[in-house]
């Protein structure tokens, strides 16, 4: 009799979990600032002032809205639009990551590049996750650790790193001060208590919602969860912008980078 009761309770719980297919989730985005990226000609006073102003640029709030097979991940509106970049050169090339829309096997990423808005349409990324035995509590939820290795493309400007090698001061090309890593390690913490195979940014593909994500110098963590079908969450596919494939977008970025390199020839002795 006791075994029957236990089975009924488990089935009831699983049935309740299976009904979860919508919700609104708030994520805090934090990026560690690479202070070495400051131009050498900045005074200490200028660096101190910029550090205070830049801090808010790398601590942002995003929201993930999910309704069935559709989801949208975007930054919450910020009334303070006075943003500065640690890397003005790259700011002129691209903005921070825009909206990320997912619908079944399709993903559309909104990305601004050189003042033009692109809608990059691709298949949902098939991450090769390795699930570990390690667990930890995030709020009231037990989460499980998963890791993967992700290839980095030239268009991932936020992952470009300043080289430790001192570049000749006569070299004018600012791109020579940076390098692109071949790949990055990604760590995700997901929970089976929210059986939605989704997460912040383009990430997902696990047996539950990703509540925390970290890679390179970026950490994204969920601090607010609202579940249920009565949220009246409307998910609209982005329409404003030029649709391109991921391959086409990569080619656009690569061509422009090569063009920019031609603008900054090294000085001859």
C-alpha atoms as a PDB file:
ATOM      1  CA  UNK A   1       0.000   0.000   0.000  1.00  0.00           C
ATOM      2  CA  UNK A   2       2.845   2.390   0.905  1.00  0.00           C
ATOM      3  CA  UNK A   3       4.556   1.650  -2.413  1.00  0.00           C
ATOM      4  CA  UNK A   4       1.371   2.535  -4.290  1.00  0.00           C
ATOM      5  CA  UNK A   5       1.120   5.858  -2.440  1.00  0.00           C
ATOM      6  CA  UNK A   6       4.743   6.695  -3.238  1.00  0.00           C
ATOM      7  CA  UNK A   7       4.194   5.893  -6.933  1.00  0.00           C
ATOM      8  CA  UNK A   8       1.065   8.066  -7.022  1.00  0.00           C
ATOM      9  CA  UNK A   9       2.960  10.987  -5.454  1.00  0.00           C
ATOM     10  CA  UNK A  10       5.828  10.635  -7.924  1.00  0.00           C
ATOM     11  CA  UNK A  11       3.475  10.418 -10.892  1.00  0.00           C
ATOM     12  CA  UNK A  12       1.596  13.469  -9.636  1.00  0.00           C
ATOM     13  CA  UNK A  13       4.842  15.428  -9.333  1.00  0.00           C
ATOM     14  CA  UNK A  14       6.038  14.370 -12.782  1.00  0.00           C
ATOM     15  CA  UNK A  15       2.661  15.273 -14.246  1.00  0.00           C
ATOM     16  CA  UNK A  16       2.934  18.719 -12.687  1.00  0.00           C
ATOM     17  CA  UNK A  17       6.432  19.207 -14.090  1.00  0.00           C
ATOM     18  CA  UNK A  18       5.344  18.102 -17.536  1.00  0.00           C
ATOM     19  CA  UNK A  19       2.791  20.917 -17.618  1.00  0.00           C
ATOM     20  CA  UNK A  20       5.480  23.569 -17.198  1.00  0.00           C
ATOM     21  CA  UNK A  21       6.080  25.038 -20.630  1.00  0.00           C
ATOM     22  CA  UNK A  22       6.011  28.782 -20.028  1.00  0.00           C
ATOM     23  CA  UNK A  23       7.451  31.381 -17.727  1.00  0.00           C
ATOM     24  CA  UNK A  24       9.402  34.584 -17.305  1.00  0.00           C
ATOM     25  CA  UNK A  25      12.941  34.524 -15.952  1.00  0.00           C
ATOM     26  CA  UNK A  26      15.265  37.361 -15.007  1.00  0.00           C
ATOM     27  CA  UNK A  27      19.021  37.017 -15.464  1.00  0.00           C
ATOM     28  CA  UNK A  28      21.861  39.178 -14.185  1.00  0.00           C
ATOM     29  CA  UNK A  29      24.708  39.575 -16.660  1.00  0.00           C
ATOM     30  CA  UNK A  30      28.160  40.315 -15.258  1.00  0.00           C
ATOM     31  CA  UNK A  31      31.351  40.768 -17.228  1.00  0.00           C
ATOM     32  CA  UNK A  32      34.746  41.117 -15.565  1.00  0.00           C
ATOM     33  CA  UNK A  33      36.457  44.207 -16.894  1.00  0.00           C
ATOM     34  CA  UNK A  34      39.892  43.786 -18.420  1.00  0.00           C
ATOM     35  CA  UNK A  35      41.547  46.911 -17.072  1.00  0.00           C
ATOM     36  CA  UNK A  36      44.663  46.245 -19.130  1.00  0.00           C
ATOM     37  CA  UNK A  37      42.647  47.163 -22.208  1.00  0.00           C
ATOM     38  CA  UNK A  38      42.787  50.842 -21.282  1.00  0.00           C
ATOM     39  CA  UNK A  39      44.903  52.838 -23.725  1.00  0.00           C
ATOM     40  CA  UNK A  40      48.344  53.482 -22.253  1.00  0.00           C
ATOM     41  CA  UNK A  41      48.002  57.235 -22.714  1.00  0.00           C
ATOM     42  CA  UNK A  42      45.084  57.439 -20.233  1.00  0.00           C
ATOM     43  CA  UNK A  43      46.011  59.137 -16.963  1.00  0.00           C
ATOM     44  CA  UNK A  44      45.254  57.472 -13.625  1.00  0.00           C
ATOM     45  CA  UNK A  45      42.479  60.006 -13.035  1.00  0.00           C
ATOM     46  CA  UNK A  46      40.894  59.210 -16.403  1.00  0.00           C
ATOM     47  CA  UNK A  47      41.107  55.485 -15.686  1.00  0.00           C
ATOM     48  CA  UNK A  48      39.438  55.906 -12.292  1.00  0.00           C
ATOM     49  CA  UNK A  49      36.594  57.939 -13.786  1.00  0.00           C
ATOM     50  CA  UNK A  50      36.059  55.445 -16.597  1.00  0.00           C
ATOM     51  CA  UNK A  51      36.092  52.486 -14.227  1.00  0.00           C
ATOM     52  CA  UNK A  52      33.144  53.934 -12.311  1.00  0.00           C
ATOM     53  CA  UNK A  53      31.167  54.640 -15.472  1.00  0.00           C
ATOM     54  CA  UNK A  54      32.023  51.364 -17.150  1.00  0.00           C
ATOM     55  CA  UNK A  55      30.970  49.201 -14.227  1.00  0.00           C
ATOM     56  CA  UNK A  56      27.269  49.576 -15.022  1.00  0.00           C
ATOM     57  CA  UNK A  57      27.902  48.672 -18.669  1.00  0.00           C
ATOM     58  CA  UNK A  58      29.058  45.231 -17.631  1.00  0.00           C
ATOM     59  CA  UNK A  59      26.334  44.599 -15.064  1.00  0.00           C
ATOM     60  CA  UNK A  60      23.071  44.302 -16.945  1.00  0.00           C
ATOM     61  CA  UNK A  61      19.667  42.708 -16.497  1.00  0.00           C
ATOM     62  CA  UNK A  62      18.122  40.447 -19.125  1.00  0.00           C
ATOM     63  CA  UNK A  63      14.806  38.657 -19.277  1.00  0.00           C
ATOM     64  CA  UNK A  64      13.917  35.338 -20.849  1.00  0.00           C
ATOM     65  CA  UNK A  65      10.274  34.810 -21.791  1.00  0.00           C
ATOM     66  CA  UNK A  66       9.148  31.326 -22.764  1.00  0.00           C
ATOM     67  CA  UNK A  67       5.785  30.241 -24.113  1.00  0.00           C
ATOM     68  CA  UNK A  68       5.714  26.675 -25.381  1.00  0.00           C
ATOM     69  CA  UNK A  69       8.212  26.243 -28.205  1.00  0.00           C
ATOM     70  CA  UNK A  70       8.853  29.985 -28.531  1.00  0.00           C
ATOM     71  CA  UNK A  71      11.193  32.110 -26.422  1.00  0.00           C
ATOM     72  CA  UNK A  72      12.801  35.544 -26.474  1.00  0.00           C
ATOM     73  CA  UNK A  73      15.877  36.670 -24.530  1.00  0.00           C
ATOM     74  CA  UNK A  74      16.549  40.408 -24.376  1.00  0.00           C
ATOM     75  CA  UNK A  75      18.006  43.129 -22.196  1.00  0.00           C
ATOM     76  CA  UNK A  76      15.573  44.944 -19.937  1.00  0.00           C
ATOM     77  CA  UNK A  77      15.091  48.573 -20.859  1.00  0.00           C
ATOM     78  CA  UNK A  78      17.602  50.884 -19.223  1.00  0.00           C
ATOM     79  CA  UNK A  79      16.551  54.486 -18.750  1.00  0.00           C
ATOM     80  CA  UNK A  80      20.188  55.533 -18.512  1.00  0.00           C
ATOM     81  CA  UNK A  81      21.482  55.390 -22.081  1.00  0.00           C
ATOM     82  CA  UNK A  82      24.821  57.039 -21.347  1.00  0.00           C
ATOM     83  CA  UNK A  83      26.923  53.949 -21.968  1.00  0.00           C
ATOM     84  CA  UNK A  84      30.642  53.882 -22.468  1.00  0.00           C
ATOM     85  CA  UNK A  85      32.801  51.121 -23.834  1.00  0.00           C
ATOM     86  CA  UNK A  86      36.126  49.912 -22.582  1.00  0.00           C
ATOM     87  CA  UNK A  87      36.945  49.318 -26.194  1.00  0.00           C
ATOM     88  CA  UNK A  88      35.644  52.254 -28.314  1.00  0.00           C
ATOM     89  CA  UNK A  89      37.111  50.742 -31.469  1.00  0.00           C
ATOM     90  CA  UNK A  90      34.892  47.670 -31.225  1.00  0.00           C
ATOM     91  CA  UNK A  91      31.894  49.751 -30.102  1.00  0.00           C
ATOM     92  CA  UNK A  92      31.998  51.433 -33.496  1.00  0.00           C
ATOM     93  CA  UNK A  93      31.844  47.991 -35.086  1.00  0.00           C
ATOM     94  CA  UNK A  94      29.102  46.301 -33.115  1.00  0.00           C
ATOM     95  CA  UNK A  95      26.646  46.721 -30.250  1.00  0.00           C
ATOM     96  CA  UNK A  96      26.075  44.295 -27.386  1.00  0.00           C
ATOM     97  CA  UNK A  97      24.180  41.155 -28.253  1.00  0.00           C
ATOM     98  CA  UNK A  98      20.567  41.931 -29.137  1.00  0.00           C
ATOM     99  CA  UNK A  99      17.470  39.804 -28.825  1.00  0.00           C
ATOM    100  CA  UNK A 100      17.681  36.040 -29.180  1.00  0.00           C
ATOM    101  CA  UNK A 101      14.511  34.376 -30.470  1.00  0.00           C
ATOM    102  CA  UNK A 102      14.023  30.606 -30.517  1.00  0.00           C
ATOM    103  CA  UNK A 103      11.216  28.560 -32.020  1.00  0.00           C
ATOM    104  CA  UNK A 104      11.603  24.794 -32.096  1.00  0.00           C
ATOM    105  CA  UNK A 105      14.786  24.243 -34.132  1.00  0.00           C
ATOM    106  CA  UNK A 106      15.224  27.828 -35.353  1.00  0.00           C
ATOM    107  CA  UNK A 107      17.181  30.624 -33.657  1.00  0.00           C
ATOM    108  CA  UNK A 108      17.229  34.283 -34.722  1.00  0.00           C
ATOM    109  CA  UNK A 109      19.827  36.592 -33.159  1.00  0.00           C
ATOM    110  CA  UNK A 110      19.461  40.341 -33.504  1.00  0.00           C
ATOM    111  CA  UNK A 111      22.861  41.950 -34.014  1.00  0.00           C
ATOM    112  CA  UNK A 112      23.885  45.481 -34.937  1.00  0.00           C
ATOM    113  CA  UNK A 113      27.058  45.820 -36.977  1.00  0.00           C
ATOM    114  CA  UNK A 114      28.428  49.166 -38.189  1.00  0.00           C
ATOM    115  CA  UNK A 115      25.074  50.807 -37.589  1.00  0.00           C
ATOM    116  CA  UNK A 116      23.107  48.192 -39.528  1.00  0.00           C
ATOM    117  CA  UNK A 117      20.731  45.728 -37.873  1.00  0.00           C
ATOM    118  CA  UNK A 118      21.033  42.088 -38.911  1.00  0.00           C
ATOM    119  CA  UNK A 119      18.758  39.179 -38.041  1.00  0.00           C
ATOM    120  CA  UNK A 120      20.959  36.090 -38.049  1.00  0.00           C
ATOM    121  CA  UNK A 121      18.806  33.043 -38.722  1.00  0.00           C
ATOM    122  CA  UNK A 122      20.237  29.611 -38.041  1.00  0.00           C
ATOM    123  CA  UNK A 123      19.426  26.209 -36.596  1.00  0.00           C
ATOM    124  CA  UNK A 124      19.357  26.023 -32.803  1.00  0.00           C
ATOM    125  CA  UNK A 125      22.881  25.189 -31.699  1.00  0.00           C
ATOM    126  CA  UNK A 126      23.489  21.548 -30.896  1.00  0.00           C
ATOM    127  CA  UNK A 127      25.830  21.829 -27.926  1.00  0.00           C
ATOM    128  CA  UNK A 128      27.673  18.672 -26.942  1.00  0.00           C
ATOM    129  CA  UNK A 129      27.083  18.912 -23.215  1.00  0.00           C
ATOM    130  CA  UNK A 130      28.864  16.743 -20.690  1.00  0.00           C
ATOM    131  CA  UNK A 131      26.708  16.338 -17.590  1.00  0.00           C
ATOM    132  CA  UNK A 132      28.618  15.975 -14.303  1.00  0.00           C
ATOM    133  CA  UNK A 133      27.662  14.542 -10.922  1.00  0.00           C
ATOM    134  CA  UNK A 134      28.289  17.860  -9.199  1.00  0.00           C
ATOM    135  CA  UNK A 135      25.204  19.720  -7.933  1.00  0.00           C
ATOM    136  CA  UNK A 136      24.501  22.964  -6.109  1.00  0.00           C
ATOM    137  CA  UNK A 137      21.556  24.984  -4.867  1.00  0.00           C
ATOM    138  CA  UNK A 138      20.519  28.122  -6.722  1.00  0.00           C
ATOM    139  CA  UNK A 139      17.723  29.644  -4.734  1.00  0.00           C
ATOM    140  CA  UNK A 140      15.274  26.848  -3.991  1.00  0.00           C
ATOM    141  CA  UNK A 141      16.353  24.766  -6.976  1.00  0.00           C
ATOM    142  CA  UNK A 142      18.884  21.949  -7.104  1.00  0.00           C
ATOM    143  CA  UNK A 143      21.003  22.368 -10.213  1.00  0.00           C
ATOM    144  CA  UNK A 144      23.335  20.009 -12.067  1.00  0.00           C
ATOM    145  CA  UNK A 145      26.626  20.997 -13.654  1.00  0.00           C
ATOM    146  CA  UNK A 146      27.162  20.610 -17.403  1.00  0.00           C
ATOM    147  CA  UNK A 147      30.090  21.713 -19.543  1.00  0.00           C
ATOM    148  CA  UNK A 148      30.855  22.101 -23.216  1.00  0.00           C
ATOM    149  CA  UNK A 149      33.485  23.599 -25.506  1.00  0.00           C
ATOM    150  CA  UNK A 150      32.331  26.223 -27.986  1.00  0.00           C
ATOM    151  CA  UNK A 151      34.127  27.434 -31.075  1.00  0.00           C
ATOM    152  CA  UNK A 152      34.709  31.210 -31.246  1.00  0.00           C
ATOM    153  CA  UNK A 153      34.206  33.127 -34.481  1.00  0.00           C
ATOM    154  CA  UNK A 154      35.622  36.487 -35.539  1.00  0.00           C
ATOM    155  CA  UNK A 155      32.224  38.141 -34.973  1.00  0.00           C
ATOM    156  CA  UNK A 156      32.324  37.403 -31.210  1.00  0.00           C
ATOM    157  CA  UNK A 157      33.962  40.762 -30.441  1.00  0.00           C
ATOM    158  CA  UNK A 158      33.193  40.462 -26.741  1.00  0.00           C
ATOM    159  CA  UNK A 159      35.548  37.477 -26.540  1.00  0.00           C
ATOM    160  CA  UNK A 160      38.498  39.150 -28.237  1.00  0.00           C
ATOM    161  CA  UNK A 161      41.437  39.471 -25.849  1.00  0.00           C
ATOM    162  CA  UNK A 162      44.221  41.998 -25.647  1.00  0.00           C
ATOM    163  CA  UNK A 163      47.520  40.292 -26.355  1.00  0.00           C
ATOM    164  CA  UNK A 164      50.143  40.138 -23.630  1.00  0.00           C
ATOM    165  CA  UNK A 165      52.784  40.700 -26.276  1.00  0.00           C
ATOM    166  CA  UNK A 166      53.848  44.322 -26.624  1.00  0.00           C
ATOM    167  CA  UNK A 167      53.029  45.549 -30.099  1.00  0.00           C
ATOM    168  CA  UNK A 168      55.451  47.948 -31.750  1.00  0.00           C
ATOM    169  CA  UNK A 169      54.240  51.489 -31.100  1.00  0.00           C
ATOM    170  CA  UNK A 170      54.763  52.217 -34.790  1.00  0.00           C
ATOM    171  CA  UNK A 171      52.116  49.668 -35.641  1.00  0.00           C
ATOM    172  CA  UNK A 172      48.908  51.647 -36.171  1.00  0.00           C
ATOM    173  CA  UNK A 173      46.439  48.801 -36.700  1.00  0.00           C
ATOM    174  CA  UNK A 174      44.389  48.459 -33.452  1.00  0.00           C
ATOM    175  CA  UNK A 175      43.408  44.917 -34.427  1.00  0.00           C
ATOM    176  CA  UNK A 176      47.006  43.822 -33.900  1.00  0.00           C
ATOM    177  CA  UNK A 177      46.539  44.380 -30.161  1.00  0.00           C
ATOM    178  CA  UNK A 178      43.890  41.652 -29.943  1.00  0.00           C
ATOM    179  CA  UNK A 179      43.552  37.959 -30.607  1.00  0.00           C
ATOM    180  CA  UNK A 180      40.589  35.637 -31.060  1.00  0.00           C
ATOM    181  CA  UNK A 181      40.604  32.428 -28.989  1.00  0.00           C
ATOM    182  CA  UNK A 182      39.910  29.269 -30.963  1.00  0.00           C
ATOM    183  CA  UNK A 183      37.364  28.088 -28.407  1.00  0.00           C
ATOM    184  CA  UNK A 184      35.975  28.714 -24.917  1.00  0.00           C
ATOM    185  CA  UNK A 185      34.856  26.441 -22.097  1.00  0.00           C
ATOM    186  CA  UNK A 186      31.232  26.928 -21.060  1.00  0.00           C
ATOM    187  CA  UNK A 187      29.784  25.838 -17.718  1.00  0.00           C
ATOM    188  CA  UNK A 188      26.030  25.637 -17.176  1.00  0.00           C
ATOM    189  CA  UNK A 189      23.959  24.799 -14.114  1.00  0.00           C
ATOM    190  CA  UNK A 190      20.500  23.476 -15.008  1.00  0.00           C
ATOM    191  CA  UNK A 191      17.574  22.212 -12.956  1.00  0.00           C
ATOM    192  CA  UNK A 192      15.318  19.227 -13.590  1.00  0.00           C
ATOM    193  CA  UNK A 193      12.639  20.974 -11.521  1.00  0.00           C
ATOM    194  CA  UNK A 194      11.972  23.242 -14.508  1.00  0.00           C
ATOM    195  CA  UNK A 195      11.943  20.775 -17.428  1.00  0.00           C
ATOM    196  CA  UNK A 196      12.293  23.414 -20.148  1.00  0.00           C
ATOM    197  CA  UNK A 197      15.230  22.787 -22.480  1.00  0.00           C
ATOM    198  CA  UNK A 198      16.243  26.434 -22.747  1.00  0.00           C
ATOM    199  CA  UNK A 199      18.435  29.084 -21.169  1.00  0.00           C
ATOM    200  CA  UNK A 200      19.992  32.522 -21.545  1.00  0.00           C
ATOM    201  CA  UNK A 201      21.452  33.746 -24.838  1.00  0.00           C
ATOM    202  CA  UNK A 202      21.731  30.975 -27.440  1.00  0.00           C
ATOM    203  CA  UNK A 203      22.261  28.245 -24.849  1.00  0.00           C
ATOM    204  CA  UNK A 204      19.954  25.311 -24.139  1.00  0.00           C
ATOM    205  CA  UNK A 205      19.637  21.657 -25.047  1.00  0.00           C
ATOM    206  CA  UNK A 206      19.761  20.246 -21.525  1.00  0.00           C
ATOM    207  CA  UNK A 207      17.035  18.384 -19.618  1.00  0.00           C
ATOM    208  CA  UNK A 208      16.053  21.492 -17.704  1.00  0.00           C
ATOM    209  CA  UNK A 209      16.310  25.264 -17.646  1.00  0.00           C
ATOM    210  CA  UNK A 210      19.804  26.746 -17.309  1.00  0.00           C
ATOM    211  CA  UNK A 211      19.855  28.947 -14.207  1.00  0.00           C
ATOM    212  CA  UNK A 212      23.530  29.882 -14.321  1.00  0.00           C
ATOM    213  CA  UNK A 213      26.031  30.154 -17.130  1.00  0.00           C
ATOM    214  CA  UNK A 214      29.692  31.134 -17.209  1.00  0.00           C
ATOM    215  CA  UNK A 215      32.337  31.380 -19.915  1.00  0.00           C
ATOM    216  CA  UNK A 216      35.446  33.495 -20.468  1.00  0.00           C
ATOM    217  CA  UNK A 217      34.948  36.538 -18.199  1.00  0.00           C
ATOM    218  CA  UNK A 218      31.133  36.434 -18.343  1.00  0.00           C
ATOM    219  CA  UNK A 219      28.670  35.108 -15.772  1.00  0.00           C
ATOM    220  CA  UNK A 220      24.889  35.018 -16.232  1.00  0.00           C
ATOM    221  CA  UNK A 221      22.667  33.993 -13.321  1.00  0.00           C
ATOM    222  CA  UNK A 222      18.908  33.741 -12.856  1.00  0.00           C
ATOM    223  CA  UNK A 223      17.531  35.570  -9.814  1.00  0.00           C
ATOM    224  CA  UNK A 224      13.787  35.652 -10.517  1.00  0.00           C
ATOM    225  CA  UNK A 225      11.463  32.902 -11.743  1.00  0.00           C
ATOM    226  CA  UNK A 226       7.777  33.044 -12.610  1.00  0.00           C
ATOM    227  CA  UNK A 227       6.235  29.821 -13.888  1.00  0.00           C
ATOM    228  CA  UNK A 228       2.810  29.065 -15.306  1.00  0.00           C
ATOM    229  CA  UNK A 229       0.548  29.278 -18.306  1.00  0.00           C
ATOM    230  CA  UNK A 230      -1.341  32.320 -17.039  1.00  0.00           C
ATOM    231  CA  UNK A 231       1.484  34.804 -17.597  1.00  0.00           C
ATOM    232  CA  UNK A 232       0.009  35.919 -20.933  1.00  0.00           C
ATOM    233  CA  UNK A 233       3.502  35.927 -22.372  1.00  0.00           C
ATOM    234  CA  UNK A 234       3.527  36.963 -26.015  1.00  0.00           C
ATOM    235  CA  UNK A 235       6.552  35.959 -28.037  1.00  0.00           C
ATOM    236  CA  UNK A 236       7.023  37.755 -31.337  1.00  0.00           C
ATOM    237  CA  UNK A 237       9.642  36.889 -33.923  1.00  0.00           C
ATOM    238  CA  UNK A 238      11.998  39.805 -34.686  1.00  0.00           C
ATOM    239  CA  UNK A 239      11.223  41.388 -38.044  1.00  0.00           C
ATOM    240  CA  UNK A 240      13.173  44.649 -38.156  1.00  0.00           C
ATOM    241  CA  UNK A 241      16.510  44.044 -39.826  1.00  0.00           C
ATOM    242  CA  UNK A 242      18.135  42.226 -42.712  1.00  0.00           C
ATOM    243  CA  UNK A 243      17.857  38.461 -42.542  1.00  0.00           C
ATOM    244  CA  UNK A 244      21.132  36.623 -43.120  1.00  0.00           C
ATOM    245  CA  UNK A 245      22.438  33.171 -42.313  1.00  0.00           C
ATOM    246  CA  UNK A 246      25.207  32.659 -39.758  1.00  0.00           C
ATOM    247  CA  UNK A 247      27.655  31.895 -42.565  1.00  0.00           C
ATOM    248  CA  UNK A 248      26.660  35.054 -44.452  1.00  0.00           C
ATOM    249  CA  UNK A 249      27.034  37.189 -41.332  1.00  0.00           C
ATOM    250  CA  UNK A 250      30.466  35.747 -40.587  1.00  0.00           C
ATOM    251  CA  UNK A 251      31.541  36.595 -44.121  1.00  0.00           C
ATOM    252  CA  UNK A 252      30.248  40.176 -43.786  1.00  0.00           C
ATOM    253  CA  UNK A 253      32.219  40.646 -40.566  1.00  0.00           C
ATOM    254  CA  UNK A 254      35.381  39.020 -41.945  1.00  0.00           C
ATOM    255  CA  UNK A 255      35.296  41.174 -45.091  1.00  0.00           C
ATOM    256  CA  UNK A 256      34.894  44.339 -43.036  1.00  0.00           C
ATOM    257  CA  UNK A 257      37.721  43.405 -40.666  1.00  0.00           C
ATOM    258  CA  UNK A 258      40.017  42.798 -43.630  1.00  0.00           C
ATOM    259  CA  UNK A 259      38.958  46.133 -45.057  1.00  0.00           C
ATOM    260  CA  UNK A 260      39.712  47.895 -41.773  1.00  0.00           C
ATOM    261  CA  UNK A 261      43.130  46.278 -41.609  1.00  0.00           C
ATOM    262  CA  UNK A 262      43.910  47.921 -44.899  1.00  0.00           C
ATOM    263  CA  UNK A 263      43.235  51.329 -43.363  1.00  0.00           C
ATOM    264  CA  UNK A 264      46.016  50.957 -40.792  1.00  0.00           C
ATOM    265  CA  UNK A 265      49.291  50.063 -42.503  1.00  0.00           C
ATOM    266  CA  UNK A 266      52.376  49.898 -40.310  1.00  0.00           C
ATOM    267  CA  UNK A 267      54.697  52.874 -40.477  1.00  0.00           C
ATOM    268  CA  UNK A 268      57.882  52.304 -42.382  1.00  0.00           C
ATOM    269  CA  UNK A 269      61.195  53.131 -40.739  1.00  0.00           C
END
